[in-house]
PDB file of all heavy atoms in Angstrom:
ATOM      1  N   ARG A   1      94.894-141.918  32.988  1.00  0.00           N
ATOM      2  CA  ARG A   1      95.777-141.768  31.813  1.00  0.00           C
ATOM      3  C   ARG A   1      96.165-143.097  31.165  1.00  0.00           C
ATOM      4  O   ARG A   1      96.268-143.191  29.955  1.00  0.00           O
ATOM      5  CB  ARG A   1      97.050-141.010  32.180  1.00  0.00           C
ATOM      6  CG  ARG A   1      96.845-139.551  32.473  1.00  0.00           C
ATOM      7  CD  ARG A   1      96.683-138.743  31.221  1.00  0.00           C
ATOM      8  NE  ARG A   1      96.514-137.350  31.599  1.00  0.00           N
ATOM      9  CZ  ARG A   1      96.081-136.425  30.806  1.00  0.00           C
ATOM     10  NH1 ARG A   1      95.783-136.704  29.572  1.00  0.00           N
ATOM     11  NH2 ARG A   1      95.933-135.193  31.218  1.00  0.00           N
ATOM     12  N   ARG A   2      96.378-144.131  31.971  1.00  0.00           N
ATOM     13  CA  ARG A   2      96.840-145.424  31.433  1.00  0.00           C
ATOM     14  C   ARG A   2      95.694-146.326  30.997  1.00  0.00           C
ATOM     15  O   ARG A   2      95.927-147.373  30.425  1.00  0.00           O
ATOM     16  CB  ARG A   2      97.705-146.133  32.461  1.00  0.00           C
ATOM     17  CG  ARG A   2      99.016-145.426  32.661  1.00  0.00           C
ATOM     18  CD  ARG A   2      99.967-146.257  33.460  1.00  0.00           C
ATOM     19  NE  ARG A   2     101.244-145.553  33.523  1.00  0.00           N
ATOM     20  CZ  ARG A   2     102.046-145.615  34.541  1.00  0.00           C
ATOM     21  NH1 ARG A   2     101.749-146.354  35.586  1.00  0.00           N
ATOM     22  NH2 ARG A   2     103.182-144.945  34.527  1.00  0.00           N
ATOM     23  N   GLU A   3      94.470-145.914  31.294  1.00  0.00           N
ATOM     24  CA  GLU A   3      93.313-146.703  30.871  1.00  0.00           C
ATOM     25  C   GLU A   3      93.060-146.496  29.384  1.00  0.00           C
ATOM     26  O   GLU A   3      93.227-145.392  28.866  1.00  0.00           O
ATOM     27  CB  GLU A   3      92.058-146.247  31.622  1.00  0.00           C
ATOM     28  CG  GLU A   3      91.771-146.981  32.891  1.00  0.00           C
ATOM     29  CD  GLU A   3      90.439-146.557  33.468  1.00  0.00           C
ATOM     30  OE1 GLU A   3      90.402-145.492  34.106  1.00  0.00           O
ATOM     31  OE2 GLU A   3      89.445-147.281  33.285  1.00  0.00           O
ATOM     32  N   SER A   4      92.604-147.523  28.735  1.00  0.00           N
ATOM     33  CA  SER A   4      92.266-147.396  27.321  1.00  0.00           C
ATOM     34  C   SER A   4      90.924-146.677  27.175  1.00  0.00           C
ATOM     35  O   SER A   4      90.103-146.656  28.108  1.00  0.00           O
ATOM     36  CB  SER A   4      92.178-148.776  26.664  1.00  0.00           C
ATOM     37  OG  SER A   4      91.033-149.473  27.144  1.00  0.00           O
ATOM     38  N   TYR A   5      90.723-146.136  26.007  1.00  0.00           N
ATOM     39  CA  TYR A   5      89.450-145.486  25.687  1.00  0.00           C
ATOM     40  C   TYR A   5      88.312-146.486  25.864  1.00  0.00           C
ATOM     41  O   TYR A   5      87.278-146.170  26.458  1.00  0.00           O
ATOM     42  CB  TYR A   5      89.526-144.972  24.244  1.00  0.00           C
ATOM     43  CG  TYR A   5      88.251-144.394  23.687  1.00  0.00           C
ATOM     44  CD1 TYR A   5      87.750-143.192  24.163  1.00  0.00           C
ATOM     45  CD2 TYR A   5      87.572-145.033  22.656  1.00  0.00           C
ATOM     46  CE1 TYR A   5      86.587-142.641  23.628  1.00  0.00           C
ATOM     47  CE2 TYR A   5      86.418-144.490  22.103  1.00  0.00           C
ATOM     48  CZ  TYR A   5      85.934-143.298  22.596  1.00  0.00           C
ATOM     49  OH  TYR A   5      84.792-142.745  22.067  1.00  0.00           O
ATOM     50  N   ARG A   6      88.517-147.693  25.395  1.00  0.00           N
ATOM     51  CA  ARG A   6      87.504-148.740  25.510  1.00  0.00           C
ATOM     52  C   ARG A   6      87.183-149.035  26.981  1.00  0.00           C
ATOM     53  O   ARG A   6      86.017-149.156  27.357  1.00  0.00           O
ATOM     54  CB  ARG A   6      87.972-149.995  24.799  1.00  0.00           C
ATOM     55  CG  ARG A   6      86.976-151.108  24.843  1.00  0.00           C
ATOM     56  CD  ARG A   6      87.460-152.305  24.084  1.00  0.00           C
ATOM     57  NE  ARG A   6      86.497-153.389  24.208  1.00  0.00           N
ATOM     58  CZ  ARG A   6      86.700-154.583  23.803  1.00  0.00           C
ATOM     59  NH1 ARG A   6      87.836-154.901  23.221  1.00  0.00           N
ATOM     60  NH2 ARG A   6      85.792-155.509  23.942  1.00  0.00           N
ATOM     61  N   ALA A   7      88.201-149.148  27.807  1.00  0.00           N
ATOM     62  CA  ALA A   7      87.992-149.434  29.234  1.00  0.00           C
ATOM     63  C   ALA A   7      87.216-148.307  29.909  1.00  0.00           C
ATOM     64  O   ALA A   7      86.345-148.564  30.748  1.00  0.00           O
ATOM     65  CB  ALA A   7      89.325-149.658  29.932  1.00  0.00           C
ATOM     66  N   ILE A   8      87.515-147.080  29.544  1.00  0.00           N
ATOM     67  CA  ILE A   8      86.804-145.945  30.137  1.00  0.00           C
ATOM     68  C   ILE A   8      85.347-145.941  29.694  1.00  0.00           C
ATOM     69  O   ILE A   8      84.449-145.703  30.504  1.00  0.00           O
ATOM     70  CB  ILE A   8      87.516-144.613  29.815  1.00  0.00           C
ATOM     71  CG1 ILE A   8      88.842-144.565  30.586  1.00  0.00           C
ATOM     72  CG2 ILE A   8      86.626-143.418  30.149  1.00  0.00           C
ATOM     73  CD1 ILE A   8      89.729-143.414  30.223  1.00  0.00           C
ATOM     74  N   ARG A   9      85.103-146.247  28.438  1.00  0.00           N
ATOM     75  CA  ARG A   9      83.709-146.326  27.965  1.00  0.00           C
ATOM     76  C   ARG A   9      82.968-147.439  28.684  1.00  0.00           C
ATOM     77  O   ARG A   9      81.802-147.276  29.058  1.00  0.00           O
ATOM     78  CB  ARG A   9      83.658-146.535  26.458  1.00  0.00           C
ATOM     79  CG  ARG A   9      83.998-145.249  25.722  1.00  0.00           C
ATOM     80  CD  ARG A   9      83.479-145.154  24.347  1.00  0.00           C
ATOM     81  NE  ARG A   9      82.052-145.370  24.216  1.00  0.00           N
ATOM     82  CZ  ARG A   9      81.470-145.675  23.058  1.00  0.00           C
ATOM     83  NH1 ARG A   9      82.193-145.794  21.962  1.00  0.00           N
ATOM     84  NH2 ARG A   9      80.169-145.858  22.989  1.00  0.00           N
ATOM     85  N   GLU A  10      83.631-148.564  28.899  1.00  0.00           N
ATOM     86  CA  GLU A  10      83.000-149.663  29.629  1.00  0.00           C
ATOM     87  C   GLU A  10      82.708-149.255  31.072  1.00  0.00           C
ATOM     88  O   GLU A  10      81.647-149.578  31.614  1.00  0.00           O
ATOM     89  CB  GLU A  10      83.887-150.909  29.600  1.00  0.00           C
ATOM     90  CG  GLU A  10      83.917-151.584  28.249  1.00  0.00           C
ATOM     91  CD  GLU A  10      84.943-152.718  28.158  1.00  0.00           C
ATOM     92  OE1 GLU A  10      85.597-153.057  29.173  1.00  0.00           O
ATOM     93  OE2 GLU A  10      85.077-153.265  27.038  1.00  0.00           O
ATOM     94  N   ARG A  11      83.634-148.541  31.673  1.00  0.00           N
ATOM     95  CA  ARG A  11      83.434-148.061  33.043  1.00  0.00           C
ATOM     96  C   ARG A  11      82.253-147.089  33.111  1.00  0.00           C
ATOM     97  O   ARG A  11      81.436-147.146  34.036  1.00  0.00           O
ATOM     98  CB  ARG A  11      84.722-147.398  33.545  1.00  0.00           C
ATOM     99  CG  ARG A  11      84.687-147.061  35.015  1.00  0.00           C
ATOM    100  CD  ARG A  11      86.066-146.888  35.615  1.00  0.00           C
ATOM    101  NE  ARG A  11      86.991-146.062  34.894  1.00  0.00           N
ATOM    102  CZ  ARG A  11      87.175-144.759  35.126  1.00  0.00           C
ATOM    103  NH1 ARG A  11      86.496-144.136  36.062  1.00  0.00           N
ATOM    104  NH2 ARG A  11      88.067-144.084  34.424  1.00  0.00           N
ATOM    105  N   LEU A  12      82.138-146.214  32.120  1.00  0.00           N
ATOM    106  CA  LEU A  12      81.014-145.283  32.077  1.00  0.00           C
ATOM    107  C   LEU A  12      79.701-146.045  31.875  1.00  0.00           C
ATOM    108  O   LEU A  12      78.703-145.759  32.547  1.00  0.00           O
ATOM    109  CB  LEU A  12      81.218-144.241  30.974  1.00  0.00           C
ATOM    110  CG  LEU A  12      80.127-143.182  30.835  1.00  0.00           C
ATOM    111  CD1 LEU A  12      79.912-142.416  32.136  1.00  0.00           C
ATOM    112  CD2 LEU A  12      80.460-142.228  29.692  1.00  0.00           C
ATOM    113  N   ASN A  13      79.700-147.022  30.982  1.00  0.00           N
ATOM    114  CA  ASN A  13      78.488-147.827  30.774  1.00  0.00           C
ATOM    115  C   ASN A  13      78.075-148.531  32.062  1.00  0.00           C
ATOM    116  O   ASN A  13      76.892-148.550  32.412  1.00  0.00           O
ATOM    117  CB  ASN A  13      78.705-148.868  29.670  1.00  0.00           C
ATOM    118  CG  ASN A  13      78.655-148.269  28.285  1.00  0.00           C
ATOM    119  OD1 ASN A  13      77.863-147.384  28.016  1.00  0.00           O
ATOM    120  ND2 ASN A  13      79.501-148.755  27.407  1.00  0.00           N
ATOM    121  N   PHE A  14      79.035-149.105  32.762  1.00  0.00           N
ATOM    122  CA  PHE A  14      78.739-149.780  34.033  1.00  0.00           C
ATOM    123  C   PHE A  14      78.187-148.790  35.058  1.00  0.00           C
ATOM    124  O   PHE A  14      77.241-149.088  35.782  1.00  0.00           O
ATOM    125  CB  PHE A  14      79.984-150.480  34.582  1.00  0.00           C
ATOM    126  CG  PHE A  14      79.741-151.155  35.899  1.00  0.00           C
ATOM    127  CD1 PHE A  14      79.023-152.339  35.960  1.00  0.00           C
ATOM    128  CD2 PHE A  14      80.208-150.598  37.076  1.00  0.00           C
ATOM    129  CE1 PHE A  14      78.770-152.953  37.182  1.00  0.00           C
ATOM    130  CE2 PHE A  14      79.965-151.198  38.302  1.00  0.00           C
ATOM    131  CZ  PHE A  14      79.242-152.386  38.360  1.00  0.00           C
ATOM    132  N   ALA A  15      78.766-147.597  35.096  1.00  0.00           N
ATOM    133  CA  ALA A  15      78.307-146.573  36.045  1.00  0.00           C
ATOM    134  C   ALA A  15      76.866-146.173  35.747  1.00  0.00           C
ATOM    135  O   ALA A  15      76.068-145.972  36.673  1.00  0.00           O
ATOM    136  CB  ALA A  15      79.235-145.360  36.002  1.00  0.00           C
ATOM    137  N   VAL A  16      76.515-146.066  34.483  1.00  0.00           N
ATOM    138  CA  VAL A  16      75.143-145.725  34.107  1.00  0.00           C
ATOM    139  C   VAL A  16      74.198-146.854  34.512  1.00  0.00           C
ATOM    140  O   VAL A  16      73.131-146.600  35.083  1.00  0.00           O
ATOM    141  CB  VAL A  16      75.038-145.405  32.602  1.00  0.00           C
ATOM    142  CG1 VAL A  16      73.582-145.326  32.150  1.00  0.00           C
ATOM    143  CG2 VAL A  16      75.763-144.105  32.293  1.00  0.00           C
ATOM    144  N   GLU A  17      74.578-148.102  34.264  1.00  0.00           N
ATOM    145  CA  GLU A  17      73.748-149.236  34.673  1.00  0.00           C
ATOM    146  C   GLU A  17      73.562-149.237  36.192  1.00  0.00           C
ATOM    147  O   GLU A  17      72.453-149.477  36.694  1.00  0.00           O
ATOM    148  CB  GLU A  17      74.389-150.550  34.224  1.00  0.00           C
ATOM    149  CG  GLU A  17      74.342-150.776  32.735  1.00  0.00           C
ATOM    150  CD  GLU A  17      75.148-151.989  32.302  1.00  0.00           C
ATOM    151  OE1 GLU A  17      75.490-152.847  33.155  1.00  0.00           O
ATOM    152  OE2 GLU A  17      75.436-152.087  31.091  1.00  0.00           O
ATOM    153  N   ARG A  18      74.638-148.977  36.904  1.00  0.00           N
ATOM    154  CA  ARG A  18      74.580-148.931  38.372  1.00  0.00           C
ATOM    155  C   ARG A  18      73.666-147.795  38.846  1.00  0.00           C
ATOM    156  O   ARG A  18      72.922-147.957  39.807  1.00  0.00           O
ATOM    157  CB  ARG A  18      76.010-148.740  38.897  1.00  0.00           C
ATOM    158  CG  ARG A  18      76.139-148.882  40.374  1.00  0.00           C
ATOM    159  CD  ARG A  18      77.606-148.874  40.788  1.00  0.00           C
ATOM    160  NE  ARG A  18      77.672-148.656  42.217  1.00  0.00           N
ATOM    161  CZ  ARG A  18      78.430-147.764  42.815  1.00  0.00           C
ATOM    162  NH1 ARG A  18      79.250-146.990  42.126  1.00  0.00           N
ATOM    163  NH2 ARG A  18      78.414-147.636  44.130  1.00  0.00           N
ATOM    164  N   THR A  19      73.711-146.664  38.150  1.00  0.00           N
ATOM    165  CA  THR A  19      72.855-145.538  38.505  1.00  0.00           C
ATOM    166  C   THR A  19      71.386-145.874  38.267  1.00  0.00           C
ATOM    167  O   THR A  19      70.535-145.577  39.114  1.00  0.00           O
ATOM    168  CB  THR A  19      73.248-144.278  37.708  1.00  0.00           C
ATOM    169  OG1 THR A  19      74.633-144.020  37.917  1.00  0.00           O
ATOM    170  CG2 THR A  19      72.434-143.082  38.133  1.00  0.00           C
ATOM    171  N   LEU A  20      71.088-146.506  37.150  1.00  0.00           N
ATOM    172  CA  LEU A  20      69.699-146.894  36.873  1.00  0.00           C
ATOM    173  C   LEU A  20      69.204-147.897  37.918  1.00  0.00           C
ATOM    174  O   LEU A  20      68.055-147.810  38.368  1.00  0.00           O
ATOM    175  CB  LEU A  20      69.582-147.464  35.456  1.00  0.00           C
ATOM    176  CG  LEU A  20      69.765-146.438  34.340  1.00  0.00           C
ATOM    177  CD1 LEU A  20      69.903-147.124  32.988  1.00  0.00           C
ATOM    178  CD2 LEU A  20      68.623-145.428  34.334  1.00  0.00           C
ATOM    179  N   ALA A  21      70.062-148.811  38.342  1.00  0.00           N
ATOM    180  CA  ALA A  21      69.683-149.764  39.394  1.00  0.00           C
ATOM    181  C   ALA A  21      69.439-149.026  40.715  1.00  0.00           C
ATOM    182  O   ALA A  21      68.502-149.356  41.457  1.00  0.00           O
ATOM    183  CB  ALA A  21      70.768-150.833  39.560  1.00  0.00           C
ATOM    184  N   ALA A  22      70.259-148.030  41.003  1.00  0.00           N
ATOM    185  CA  ALA A  22      70.072-147.245  42.231  1.00  0.00           C
ATOM    186  C   ALA A  22      68.753-146.484  42.189  1.00  0.00           C
ATOM    187  O   ALA A  22      68.017-146.452  43.185  1.00  0.00           O
ATOM    188  CB  ALA A  22      71.236-146.277  42.434  1.00  0.00           C
ATOM    189  N   ILE A  23      68.443-145.900  41.053  1.00  0.00           N
ATOM    190  CA  ILE A  23      67.168-145.185  40.901  1.00  0.00           C
ATOM    191  C   ILE A  23      66.014-146.147  41.161  1.00  0.00           C
ATOM    192  O   ILE A  23      65.070-145.841  41.884  1.00  0.00           O
ATOM    193  CB  ILE A  23      67.050-144.543  39.501  1.00  0.00           C
ATOM    194  CG1 ILE A  23      68.071-143.421  39.338  1.00  0.00           C
ATOM    195  CG2 ILE A  23      65.628-144.038  39.244  1.00  0.00           C
ATOM    196  CD1 ILE A  23      68.244-142.947  37.902  1.00  0.00           C
ATOM    197  N   ASP A  24      66.111-147.338  40.580  1.00  0.00           N
ATOM    198  CA  ASP A  24      65.065-148.336  40.737  1.00  0.00           C
ATOM    199  C   ASP A  24      64.905-148.775  42.192  1.00  0.00           C
ATOM    200  O   ASP A  24      63.801-149.065  42.642  1.00  0.00           O
ATOM    201  CB  ASP A  24      65.371-149.548  39.848  1.00  0.00           C
ATOM    202  CG  ASP A  24      64.224-150.518  39.781  1.00  0.00           C
ATOM    203  OD1 ASP A  24      63.082-150.079  39.513  1.00  0.00           O
ATOM    204  OD2 ASP A  24      64.457-151.722  40.015  1.00  0.00           O
ATOM    205  N   SER A  25      66.000-148.798  42.939  1.00  0.00           N
ATOM    206  CA  SER A  25      65.961-149.273  44.325  1.00  0.00           C
ATOM    207  C   SER A  25      65.410-148.242  45.313  1.00  0.00           C
ATOM    208  O   SER A  25      65.044-148.594  46.431  1.00  0.00           O
ATOM    209  CB  SER A  25      67.358-149.697  44.778  1.00  0.00           C
ATOM    210  OG  SER A  25      68.166-148.561  45.029  1.00  0.00           O
ATOM    211  N   LEU A  26      65.357-146.985  44.905  1.00  0.00           N
ATOM    212  CA  LEU A  26      64.888-145.923  45.798  1.00  0.00           C
ATOM    213  C   LEU A  26      63.367-145.826  45.788  1.00  0.00           C
ATOM    214  O   LEU A  26      62.738-145.958  44.729  1.00  0.00           O
ATOM    215  CB  LEU A  26      65.481-144.578  45.383  1.00  0.00           C
ATOM    216  CG  LEU A  26      66.987-144.423  45.554  1.00  0.00           C
ATOM    217  CD1 LEU A  26      67.484-143.186  44.807  1.00  0.00           C
ATOM    218  CD2 LEU A  26      67.362-144.347  47.025  1.00  0.00           C
ATOM    219  N   SER A  27      62.806-145.564  46.938  1.00  0.00           N
ATOM    220  CA  SER A  27      61.363-145.293  46.995  1.00  0.00           C
ATOM    221  C   SER A  27      61.111-143.928  46.350  1.00  0.00           C
ATOM    222  O   SER A  27      62.044-143.140  46.160  1.00  0.00           O
ATOM    223  CB  SER A  27      60.887-145.285  48.447  1.00  0.00           C
ATOM    224  OG  SER A  27      61.400-144.152  49.122  1.00  0.00           O
ATOM    225  N   GLU A  28      59.845-143.663  46.054  1.00  0.00           N
ATOM    226  CA  GLU A  28      59.495-142.346  45.498  1.00  0.00           C
ATOM    227  C   GLU A  28      59.943-141.242  46.450  1.00  0.00           C
ATOM    228  O   GLU A  28      60.470-140.224  46.026  1.00  0.00           O
ATOM    229  CB  GLU A  28      57.988-142.245  45.245  1.00  0.00           C
ATOM    230  CG  GLU A  28      57.478-143.151  44.141  1.00  0.00           C
ATOM    231  CD  GLU A  28      58.055-142.834  42.778  1.00  0.00           C
ATOM    232  OE1 GLU A  28      57.988-141.672  42.339  1.00  0.00           O
ATOM    233  OE2 GLU A  28      58.582-143.765  42.144  1.00  0.00           O
ATOM    234  N   ARG A  29      59.723-141.467  47.722  1.00  0.00           N
ATOM    235  CA  ARG A  29      60.093-140.478  48.737  1.00  0.00           C
ATOM    236  C   ARG A  29      61.600-140.254  48.743  1.00  0.00           C
ATOM    237  O   ARG A  29      62.060-139.112  48.728  1.00  0.00           O
ATOM    238  CB  ARG A  29      59.602-140.953  50.108  1.00  0.00           C
ATOM    239  CG  ARG A  29      59.863-139.986  51.224  1.00  0.00           C
ATOM    240  CD  ARG A  29      59.206-140.477  52.537  1.00  0.00           C
ATOM    241  NE  ARG A  29      59.538-139.571  53.610  1.00  0.00           N
ATOM    242  CZ  ARG A  29      60.567-139.729  54.439  1.00  0.00           C
ATOM    243  NH1 ARG A  29      61.348-140.785  54.333  1.00  0.00           N
ATOM    244  NH2 ARG A  29      60.807-138.837  55.379  1.00  0.00           N
ATOM    245  N   GLU A  30      62.391-141.330  48.766  1.00  0.00           N
ATOM    246  CA  GLU A  30      63.850-141.208  48.787  1.00  0.00           C
ATOM    247  C   GLU A  30      64.362-140.496  47.540  1.00  0.00           C
ATOM    248  O   GLU A  30      65.314-139.729  47.610  1.00  0.00           O
ATOM    249  CB  GLU A  30      64.512-142.588  48.870  1.00  0.00           C
ATOM    250  CG  GLU A  30      64.343-143.276  50.192  1.00  0.00           C
ATOM    251  CD  GLU A  30      64.825-144.706  50.155  1.00  0.00           C
ATOM    252  OE1 GLU A  30      64.590-145.421  49.148  1.00  0.00           O
ATOM    253  OE2 GLU A  30      65.452-145.128  51.146  1.00  0.00           O
ATOM    254  N   LEU A  31      63.738-140.750  46.423  1.00  0.00           N
ATOM    255  CA  LEU A  31      64.186-140.187  45.155  1.00  0.00           C
ATOM    256  C   LEU A  31      63.766-138.732  44.953  1.00  0.00           C
ATOM    257  O   LEU A  31      64.558-137.923  44.473  1.00  0.00           O
ATOM    258  CB  LEU A  31      63.650-141.034  43.997  1.00  0.00           C
ATOM    259  CG  LEU A  31      64.108-140.678  42.596  1.00  0.00           C
ATOM    260  CD1 LEU A  31      65.605-140.901  42.437  1.00  0.00           C
ATOM    261  CD2 LEU A  31      63.347-141.511  41.560  1.00  0.00           C
ATOM    262  N   LEU A  32      62.565-138.393  45.361  1.00  0.00           N
ATOM    263  CA  LEU A  32      61.982-137.117  44.931  1.00  0.00           C
ATOM    264  C   LEU A  32      61.787-136.063  46.018  1.00  0.00           C
ATOM    265  O   LEU A  32      61.564-134.898  45.704  1.00  0.00           O
ATOM    266  CB  LEU A  32      60.643-137.378  44.239  1.00  0.00           C
ATOM    267  CG  LEU A  32      60.738-138.266  42.982  1.00  0.00           C
ATOM    268  CD1 LEU A  32      59.358-138.674  42.516  1.00  0.00           C
ATOM    269  CD2 LEU A  32      61.530-137.583  41.885  1.00  0.00           C
ATOM    270  N   GLU A  33      61.882-136.449  47.289  1.00  0.00           N
ATOM    271  CA  GLU A  33      61.664-135.468  48.348  1.00  0.00           C
ATOM    272  C   GLU A  33      62.987-134.910  48.853  1.00  0.00           C
ATOM    273  O   GLU A  33      63.926-135.665  49.105  1.00  0.00           O
ATOM    274  CB  GLU A  33      60.900-136.095  49.521  1.00  0.00           C
ATOM    275  CG  GLU A  33      59.448-136.355  49.205  1.00  0.00           C
ATOM    276  CD  GLU A  33      58.692-136.890  50.400  1.00  0.00           C
ATOM    277  OE1 GLU A  33      59.091-136.610  51.559  1.00  0.00           O
ATOM    278  OE2 GLU A  33      57.699-137.602  50.170  1.00  0.00           O
ATOM    279  N   PRO A  34      63.072-133.588  49.014  1.00  0.00           N
ATOM    280  CA  PRO A  34      64.282-132.992  49.574  1.00  0.00           C
ATOM    281  C   PRO A  34      64.448-133.380  51.041  1.00  0.00           C
ATOM    282  O   PRO A  34      63.475-133.648  51.739  1.00  0.00           O
ATOM    283  CB  PRO A  34      64.048-131.487  49.457  1.00  0.00           C
ATOM    284  CG  PRO A  34      62.790-131.301  48.708  1.00  0.00           C
ATOM    285  CD  PRO A  34      62.076-132.593  48.648  1.00  0.00           C
TER     286      PRO A  34
END
């Protein structure tokens, strides 16, 4: 509630960047096999 709209958007952008880095760090097996 006390975070600014801008701060939340920045946090979301960072989370997306972190997710893309995580995807990149996973092997095909880790990413795609159940």
